[in-house]
All heavy atoms as atom14 arrays in JSON, in Angstrom:
{
  "sequence": "TPSLLQRISELRSQQAVWLFSSSECVQHLVRCNTTWS",
  "atom14_mask": [
    [1, 1, 1, 1, 1, 1, 1, 0, 0, 0, 0, 0, 0, 0],
    [1, 1, 1, 1, 1, 1, 1, 0, 0, 0, 0, 0, 0, 0],
    [1, 1, 1, 1, 1, 1, 0, 0, 0, 0, 0, 0, 0, 0],
    [1, 1, 1, 1, 1, 1, 1, 1, 0, 0, 0, 0, 0, 0],
    [1, 1, 1, 1, 1, 1, 1, 1, 0, 0, 0, 0, 0, 0],
    [1, 1, 1, 1, 1, 1, 1, 1, 1, 0, 0, 0, 0, 0],
    [1, 1, 1, 1, 1, 1, 1, 1, 1, 1, 1, 0, 0, 0],
    [1, 1, 1, 1, 1, 1, 1, 1, 0, 0, 0, 0, 0, 0],
    [1, 1, 1, 1, 1, 1, 0, 0, 0, 0, 0, 0, 0, 0],
    [1, 1, 1, 1, 1, 1, 1, 1, 1, 0, 0, 0, 0, 0],
    [1, 1, 1, 1, 1, 1, 1, 1, 0, 0, 0, 0, 0, 0],
    [1, 1, 1, 1, 1, 1, 1, 1, 1, 1, 1, 0, 0, 0],
    [1, 1, 1, 1, 1, 1, 0, 0, 0, 0, 0, 0, 0, 0],
    [1, 1, 1, 1, 1, 1, 1, 1, 1, 0, 0, 0, 0, 0],
    [1, 1, 1, 1, 1, 1, 1, 1, 1, 0, 0, 0, 0, 0],
    [1, 1, 1, 1, 1, 0, 0, 0, 0, 0, 0, 0, 0, 0],
    [1, 1, 1, 1, 1, 1, 1, 0, 0, 0, 0, 0, 0, 0],
    [1, 1, 1, 1, 1, 1, 1, 1, 1, 1, 1, 1, 1, 1],
    [1, 1, 1, 1, 1, 1, 1, 1, 0, 0, 0, 0, 0, 0],
    [1, 1, 1, 1, 1, 1, 1, 1, 1, 1, 1, 0, 0, 0],
    [1, 1, 1, 1, 1, 1, 0, 0, 0, 0, 0, 0, 0, 0],
    [1, 1, 1, 1, 1, 1, 0, 0, 0, 0, 0, 0, 0, 0],
    [1, 1, 1, 1, 1, 1, 0, 0, 0, 0, 0, 0, 0, 0],
    [1, 1, 1, 1, 1, 1, 1, 1, 1, 0, 0, 0, 0, 0],
    [1, 1, 1, 1, 1, 1, 0, 0, 0, 0, 0, 0, 0, 0],
    [1, 1, 1, 1, 1, 1, 1, 0, 0, 0, 0, 0, 0, 0],
    [1, 1, 1, 1, 1, 1, 1, 1, 1, 0, 0, 0, 0, 0],
    [1, 1, 1, 1, 1, 1, 1, 1, 1, 1, 0, 0, 0, 0],
    [1, 1, 1, 1, 1, 1, 1, 1, 0, 0, 0, 0, 0, 0],
    [1, 1, 1, 1, 1, 1, 1, 0, 0, 0, 0, 0, 0, 0],
    [1, 1, 1, 1, 1, 1, 1, 1, 1, 1, 1, 0, 0, 0],
    [1, 1, 1, 1, 1, 1, 0, 0, 0, 0, 0, 0, 0, 0],
    [1, 1, 1, 1, 1, 1, 1, 1, 0, 0, 0, 0, 0, 0],
    [1, 1, 1, 1, 1, 1, 1, 0, 0, 0, 0, 0, 0, 0],
    [1, 1, 1, 1, 1, 1, 1, 0, 0, 0, 0, 0, 0, 0],
    [1, 1, 1, 1, 1, 1, 1, 1, 1, 1, 1, 1, 1, 1],
    [1, 1, 1, 1, 1, 1, 0, 0, 0, 0, 0, 0, 0, 0]
  ],
  "atom14_positions": [
    [[-47.64, 22.5, 93.84], [-48.25, 22.62, 95.28], [-47.51, 23.61, 96.06], [-46.28, 23.98, 95.72], [-48.19, 21.33, 95.97], [-46.93, 20.86, 96.1], [-49.03, 20.2, 95.13], [0.0, 0.0, 0.0], [0.0, 0.0, 0.0], [0.0, 0.0, 0.0], [0.0, 0.0, 0.0], [0.0, 0.0, 0.0], [0.0, 0.0, 0.0], [0.0, 0.0, 0.0]],
    [[-48.04, 24.26, 97.11], [-47.3, 25.1, 97.89], [-46.04, 24.54, 98.5], [-44.99, 25.22, 98.58], [-48.27, 25.5, 99.06], [-49.69, 25.33, 98.37], [-49.5, 24.2, 97.46], [0.0, 0.0, 0.0], [0.0, 0.0, 0.0], [0.0, 0.0, 0.0], [0.0, 0.0, 0.0], [0.0, 0.0, 0.0], [0.0, 0.0, 0.0], [0.0, 0.0, 0.0]],
    [[-46.1, 23.31, 98.83], [-44.92, 22.58, 99.39], [-43.82, 22.47, 98.36], [-42.56, 22.61, 98.71], [-45.25, 21.23, 100.01], [-45.76, 20.41, 98.97], [0.0, 0.0, 0.0], [0.0, 0.0, 0.0], [0.0, 0.0, 0.0], [0.0, 0.0, 0.0], [0.0, 0.0, 0.0], [0.0, 0.0, 0.0], [0.0, 0.0, 0.0], [0.0, 0.0, 0.0]],
    [[-44.1, 22.18, 97.1], [-43.21, 22.1, 96.02], [-42.53, 23.44, 95.81], [-41.31, 23.64, 95.67], [-43.75, 21.54, 94.72], [-42.83, 21.54, 93.51], [-41.66, 20.63, 93.8], [-43.63, 21.07, 92.27], [0.0, 0.0, 0.0], [0.0, 0.0, 0.0], [0.0, 0.0, 0.0], [0.0, 0.0, 0.0], [0.0, 0.0, 0.0], [0.0, 0.0, 0.0]],
    [[-43.38, 24.49, 95.66], [-42.77, 25.85, 95.44], [-41.93, 26.31, 96.64], [-40.86, 26.97, 96.42], [-43.96, 26.81, 95.29], [-44.89, 26.63, 94.04], [-46.08, 27.55, 94.0], [-44.04, 26.76, 92.79], [0.0, 0.0, 0.0], [0.0, 0.0, 0.0], [0.0, 0.0, 0.0], [0.0, 0.0, 0.0], [0.0, 0.0, 0.0], [0.0, 0.0, 0.0]],
    [[-42.31, 25.94, 97.79], [-41.55, 26.33, 98.98], [-40.09, 25.6, 98.95], [-39.1, 26.2, 99.19], [-42.22, 25.95, 100.32], [-41.4, 26.38, 101.55], [-42.12, 25.91, 102.77], [-43.27, 25.62, 102.81], [-41.46, 26.14, 103.93], [0.0, 0.0, 0.0], [0.0, 0.0, 0.0], [0.0, 0.0, 0.0], [0.0, 0.0, 0.0], [0.0, 0.0, 0.0]],
    [[-40.14, 24.35, 98.59], [-38.89, 23.62, 98.43], [-38.05, 24.14, 97.39], [-36.78, 24.26, 97.61], [-39.17, 22.12, 98.09], [-37.96, 21.27, 98.06], [-37.19, 21.21, 99.31], [-36.08, 20.27, 99.27], [-34.82, 20.53, 99.87], [-34.63, 21.68, 100.51], [-33.86, 19.62, 99.75], [0.0, 0.0, 0.0], [0.0, 0.0, 0.0], [0.0, 0.0, 0.0]],
    [[-38.57, 24.5, 96.21], [-37.7, 25.11, 95.15], [-37.14, 26.47, 95.68], [-35.96, 26.73, 95.38], [-38.66, 25.44, 93.86], [-39.13, 24.03, 93.35], [-37.81, 26.15, 92.87], [-40.04, 24.2, 92.22], [0.0, 0.0, 0.0], [0.0, 0.0, 0.0], [0.0, 0.0, 0.0], [0.0, 0.0, 0.0], [0.0, 0.0, 0.0], [0.0, 0.0, 0.0]],
    [[-37.98, 27.25, 96.29], [-37.47, 28.56, 96.87], [-36.4, 28.36, 97.9], [-35.37, 29.06, 97.84], [-38.62, 29.25, 97.62], [-38.28, 30.57, 97.98], [0.0, 0.0, 0.0], [0.0, 0.0, 0.0], [0.0, 0.0, 0.0], [0.0, 0.0, 0.0], [0.0, 0.0, 0.0], [0.0, 0.0, 0.0], [0.0, 0.0, 0.0], [0.0, 0.0, 0.0]],
    [[-36.4, 27.34, 98.69], [-35.31, 26.97, 99.69], [-34.03, 26.61, 98.92], [-33.02, 27.12, 99.27], [-35.78, 25.88, 100.56], [-36.88, 26.22, 101.59], [-37.36, 24.95, 102.22], [-36.98, 23.87, 101.93], [-38.2, 25.16, 103.23], [0.0, 0.0, 0.0], [0.0, 0.0, 0.0], [0.0, 0.0, 0.0], [0.0, 0.0, 0.0], [0.0, 0.0, 0.0]],
    [[-34.17, 25.8, 97.99], [-32.94, 25.36, 97.12], [-32.41, 26.57, 96.41], [-31.16, 26.67, 96.29], [-33.35, 24.35, 96.24], [-33.73, 22.9, 96.9], [-34.45, 22.0, 95.99], [-32.48, 22.24, 97.49], [0.0, 0.0, 0.0], [0.0, 0.0, 0.0], [0.0, 0.0, 0.0], [0.0, 0.0, 0.0], [0.0, 0.0, 0.0], [0.0, 0.0, 0.0]],
    [[-33.21, 27.51, 95.85], [-32.73, 28.66, 95.25], [-31.9, 29.53, 96.21], [-30.89, 30.02, 95.89], [-33.88, 29.47, 94.61], [-34.49, 28.91, 93.35], [-35.81, 29.57, 92.97], [-35.68, 31.11, 93.01], [-35.22, 31.76, 92.0], [-34.89, 31.17, 90.86], [-35.27, 33.1, 92.1], [0.0, 0.0, 0.0], [0.0, 0.0, 0.0], [0.0, 0.0, 0.0]],
    [[-32.37, 29.66, 97.44], [-31.71, 30.46, 98.39], [-30.41, 29.93, 98.83], [-29.47, 30.6, 99.21], [-32.66, 30.69, 99.59], [-32.82, 29.5, 100.25], [0.0, 0.0, 0.0], [0.0, 0.0, 0.0], [0.0, 0.0, 0.0], [0.0, 0.0, 0.0], [0.0, 0.0, 0.0], [0.0, 0.0, 0.0], [0.0, 0.0, 0.0], [0.0, 0.0, 0.0]],
    [[-30.32, 28.61, 98.71], [-29.03, 27.84, 99.04], [-28.03, 27.89, 97.9], [-26.9, 27.3, 98.0], [-29.33, 26.38, 99.46], [-30.27, 26.35, 100.71], [-30.76, 24.84, 100.91], [-30.29, 23.92, 100.39], [-31.76, 24.77, 101.83], [0.0, 0.0, 0.0], [0.0, 0.0, 0.0], [0.0, 0.0, 0.0], [0.0, 0.0, 0.0], [0.0, 0.0, 0.0]],
    [[-28.39, 28.44, 96.74], [-27.63, 28.36, 95.47], [-27.24, 26.88, 95.17], [-26.09, 26.6, 94.86], [-26.4, 29.17, 95.69], [-26.58, 30.75, 95.71], [-27.2, 31.19, 94.44], [-26.68, 30.95, 93.36], [-28.37, 31.84, 94.44], [0.0, 0.0, 0.0], [0.0, 0.0, 0.0], [0.0, 0.0, 0.0], [0.0, 0.0, 0.0], [0.0, 0.0, 0.0]],
    [[-28.29, 25.98, 95.21], [-28.03, 24.61, 94.88], [-27.83, 24.51, 93.4], [-28.18, 25.44, 92.63], [-29.31, 23.81, 95.27], [0.0, 0.0, 0.0], [0.0, 0.0, 0.0], [0.0, 0.0, 0.0], [0.0, 0.0, 0.0], [0.0, 0.0, 0.0], [0.0, 0.0, 0.0], [0.0, 0.0, 0.0], [0.0, 0.0, 0.0], [0.0, 0.0, 0.0]],
    [[-27.1, 23.46, 93.01], [-26.89, 23.1, 91.6], [-27.91, 22.14, 91.11], [-28.18, 21.07, 91.71], [-25.49, 22.56, 91.37], [-25.21, 22.15, 89.92], [-24.44, 23.57, 91.8], [0.0, 0.0, 0.0], [0.0, 0.0, 0.0], [0.0, 0.0, 0.0], [0.0, 0.0, 0.0], [0.0, 0.0, 0.0], [0.0, 0.0, 0.0], [0.0, 0.0, 0.0]],
    [[-28.49, 22.4, 89.91], [-29.59, 21.72, 89.37], [-29.12, 20.68, 88.27], [-28.39, 21.18, 87.36], [-30.73, 22.61, 88.86], [-31.24, 23.46, 89.83], [-30.72, 24.64, 90.44], [-32.49, 23.28, 90.5], [-31.55, 25.19, 91.35], [-32.62, 24.34, 91.42], [-33.52, 22.37, 90.55], [-33.7, 24.52, 92.39], [-34.59, 22.42, 91.42], [-34.65, 23.48, 92.25]],
    [[-29.46, 19.49, 88.43], [-29.1, 18.4, 87.49], [-30.26, 18.06, 86.57], [-31.27, 17.6, 87.12], [-28.59, 17.14, 88.17], [-28.2, 15.97, 87.27], [-27.07, 16.32, 86.33], [-27.85, 14.69, 88.18], [0.0, 0.0, 0.0], [0.0, 0.0, 0.0], [0.0, 0.0, 0.0], [0.0, 0.0, 0.0], [0.0, 0.0, 0.0], [0.0, 0.0, 0.0]],
    [[-30.1, 18.27, 85.28], [-31.13, 17.94, 84.32], [-30.69, 16.99, 83.25], [-29.68, 17.04, 82.73], [-31.54, 19.25, 83.55], [-32.07, 20.36, 84.37], [-31.4, 21.53, 84.67], [-33.4, 20.26, 84.92], [-31.91, 22.54, 85.43], [-34.0, 21.24, 85.66], [-33.22, 22.39, 85.98], [0.0, 0.0, 0.0], [0.0, 0.0, 0.0], [0.0, 0.0, 0.0]],
    [[-31.56, 15.93, 83.21], [-31.33, 14.88, 82.09], [-32.54, 14.83, 81.25], [-32.67, 13.9, 80.46], [-31.15, 13.59, 82.83], [-32.23, 13.25, 83.69], [0.0, 0.0, 0.0], [0.0, 0.0, 0.0], [0.0, 0.0, 0.0], [0.0, 0.0, 0.0], [0.0, 0.0, 0.0], [0.0, 0.0, 0.0], [0.0, 0.0, 0.0], [0.0, 0.0, 0.0]],
    [[-33.34, 15.92, 81.23], [-34.55, 16.02, 80.34], [-34.9, 17.48, 80.14], [-34.91, 18.23, 81.17], [-35.72, 15.28, 80.97], [-36.92, 15.67, 80.32], [0.0, 0.0, 0.0], [0.0, 0.0, 0.0], [0.0, 0.0, 0.0], [0.0, 0.0, 0.0], [0.0, 0.0, 0.0], [0.0, 0.0, 0.0], [0.0, 0.0, 0.0], [0.0, 0.0, 0.0]],
    [[-35.11, 17.83, 78.87], [-35.55, 19.2, 78.58], [-36.95, 19.46, 79.25], [-37.08, 20.65, 79.68], [-35.59, 19.42, 77.09], [-34.31, 19.24, 76.46], [0.0, 0.0, 0.0], [0.0, 0.0, 0.0], [0.0, 0.0, 0.0], [0.0, 0.0, 0.0], [0.0, 0.0, 0.0], [0.0, 0.0, 0.0], [0.0, 0.0, 0.0], [0.0, 0.0, 0.0]],
    [[-37.76, 18.47, 79.31], [-39.05, 18.78, 79.88], [-38.95, 19.12, 81.43], [-39.76, 19.95, 81.88], [-39.9, 17.54, 79.72], [-40.35, 17.33, 78.24], [-41.07, 16.04, 78.07], [-40.34, 14.99, 78.0], [-42.32, 16.01, 77.93], [0.0, 0.0, 0.0], [0.0, 0.0, 0.0], [0.0, 0.0, 0.0], [0.0, 0.0, 0.0], [0.0, 0.0, 0.0]],
    [[-38.02, 18.52, 82.08], [-37.87, 18.84, 83.59], [-37.42, 20.27, 83.63], [-37.81, 20.99, 84.59], [-36.81, 17.91, 84.17], [-37.41, 16.24, 84.42], [0.0, 0.0, 0.0], [0.0, 0.0, 0.0], [0.0, 0.0, 0.0], [0.0, 0.0, 0.0], [0.0, 0.0, 0.0], [0.0, 0.0, 0.0], [0.0, 0.0, 0.0], [0.0, 0.0, 0.0]],
    [[-36.68, 20.78, 82.8], [-36.25, 22.21, 82.74], [-37.54, 23.02, 82.61], [-37.75, 24.02, 83.41], [-35.23, 22.5, 81.65], [-34.82, 23.92, 81.65], [-34.04, 21.67, 81.67], [0.0, 0.0, 0.0], [0.0, 0.0, 0.0], [0.0, 0.0, 0.0], [0.0, 0.0, 0.0], [0.0, 0.0, 0.0], [0.0, 0.0, 0.0], [0.0, 0.0, 0.0]],
    [[-38.35, 22.75, 81.63], [-39.51, 23.52, 81.34], [-40.52, 23.5, 82.52], [-41.07, 24.51, 82.87], [-40.2, 22.93, 80.05], [-39.27, 23.1, 78.86], [-39.88, 22.26, 77.68], [-40.88, 21.6, 77.76], [-39.12, 22.16, 76.59], [0.0, 0.0, 0.0], [0.0, 0.0, 0.0], [0.0, 0.0, 0.0], [0.0, 0.0, 0.0], [0.0, 0.0, 0.0]],
    [[-40.63, 22.34, 83.16], [-41.57, 22.19, 84.23], [-41.13, 23.03, 85.48], [-41.93, 23.68, 86.15], [-41.74, 20.73, 84.66], [-42.34, 19.89, 83.62], [-42.24, 18.52, 83.69], [-43.04, 20.2, 82.52], [-42.91, 18.02, 82.63], [-43.38, 19.05, 81.93], [0.0, 0.0, 0.0], [0.0, 0.0, 0.0], [0.0, 0.0, 0.0], [0.0, 0.0, 0.0]],
    [[-39.77, 23.04, 85.71], [-39.26, 23.85, 86.81], [-39.5, 25.32, 86.57], [-39.97, 26.04, 87.5], [-37.74, 23.66, 87.0], [-37.03, 24.44, 88.0], [-37.57, 24.2, 89.37], [-35.57, 24.25, 87.98], [0.0, 0.0, 0.0], [0.0, 0.0, 0.0], [0.0, 0.0, 0.0], [0.0, 0.0, 0.0], [0.0, 0.0, 0.0], [0.0, 0.0, 0.0]],
    [[-39.19, 25.81, 85.44], [-39.33, 27.24, 85.11], [-40.81, 27.64, 85.15], [-41.13, 28.78, 85.62], [-38.75, 27.53, 83.71], [-39.03, 29.0, 83.33], [-37.18, 27.31, 83.71], [0.0, 0.0, 0.0], [0.0, 0.0, 0.0], [0.0, 0.0, 0.0], [0.0, 0.0, 0.0], [0.0, 0.0, 0.0], [0.0, 0.0, 0.0], [0.0, 0.0, 0.0]],
    [[-41.66, 26.79, 84.72], [-43.11, 27.23, 84.7], [-43.73, 27.18, 86.16], [-44.91, 27.67, 86.31], [-43.87, 26.21, 83.81], [-43.58, 26.41, 82.38], [-44.08, 25.31, 81.52], [-43.77, 25.48, 80.09], [-43.95, 24.42, 79.27], [-44.43, 23.28, 79.56], [-43.44, 24.59, 77.96], [0.0, 0.0, 0.0], [0.0, 0.0, 0.0], [0.0, 0.0, 0.0]],
    [[-43.04, 26.67, 87.07], [-43.58, 26.73, 88.47], [-43.73, 28.09, 88.96], [-44.71, 28.39, 89.76], [-42.62, 25.97, 89.45], [-42.81, 24.05, 89.3], [0.0, 0.0, 0.0], [0.0, 0.0, 0.0], [0.0, 0.0, 0.0], [0.0, 0.0, 0.0], [0.0, 0.0, 0.0], [0.0, 0.0, 0.0], [0.0, 0.0, 0.0], [0.0, 0.0, 0.0]],
    [[-42.94, 28.93, 88.54], [-43.03, 30.36, 88.92], [-42.25, 31.18, 87.81], [-41.05, 31.29, 87.87], [-42.43, 30.65, 90.35], [-42.72, 31.99, 90.79], [-42.78, 32.99, 89.98], [-42.92, 32.18, 92.13], [0.0, 0.0, 0.0], [0.0, 0.0, 0.0], [0.0, 0.0, 0.0], [0.0, 0.0, 0.0], [0.0, 0.0, 0.0], [0.0, 0.0, 0.0]],
    [[-43.01, 31.82, 86.98], [-42.41, 32.42, 85.84], [-41.74, 33.85, 86.19], [-41.09, 34.37, 85.43], [-43.38, 32.64, 84.72], [-44.51, 33.42, 85.26], [-43.93, 31.32, 84.16], [0.0, 0.0, 0.0], [0.0, 0.0, 0.0], [0.0, 0.0, 0.0], [0.0, 0.0, 0.0], [0.0, 0.0, 0.0], [0.0, 0.0, 0.0], [0.0, 0.0, 0.0]],
    [[-41.97, 34.29, 87.46], [-41.36, 35.47, 87.9], [-39.87, 35.3, 88.41], [-39.17, 36.26, 88.64], [-42.17, 36.15, 89.03], [-42.09, 35.37, 90.17], [-43.61, 36.37, 88.57], [0.0, 0.0, 0.0], [0.0, 0.0, 0.0], [0.0, 0.0, 0.0], [0.0, 0.0, 0.0], [0.0, 0.0, 0.0], [0.0, 0.0, 0.0], [0.0, 0.0, 0.0]],
    [[-39.54, 33.98, 88.61], [-38.22, 33.7, 89.16], [-37.16, 33.9, 88.06], [-37.29, 33.52, 86.94], [-38.05, 32.3, 89.67], [-38.64, 32.05, 91.09], [-38.67, 33.01, 92.08], [-39.18, 30.91, 91.63], [-39.32, 32.49, 93.17], [-39.58, 31.14, 92.96], [-39.33, 29.58, 91.08], [-40.16, 30.12, 93.72], [-39.9, 28.61, 91.9], [-40.31, 28.9, 93.2]],
    [[-36.02, 34.54, 88.4], [-34.92, 34.63, 87.45], [-33.91, 33.56, 87.89], [-33.62, 33.34, 89.04], [-34.24, 36.0, 87.63], [-32.99, 35.99, 86.92], [0.0, 0.0, 0.0], [0.0, 0.0, 0.0], [0.0, 0.0, 0.0], [0.0, 0.0, 0.0], [0.0, 0.0, 0.0], [0.0, 0.0, 0.0], [0.0, 0.0, 0.0], [0.0, 0.0, 0.0]]
  ]
}
């Protein structure tokens, strides 16, 4: 959703650290916007 994408963008700008306990969560995050590095 736009709100989810906005929240991810905010966390990216804050240089937050991402905690992953599932490979699928990694894949889902990356697929939200494939242009993000």
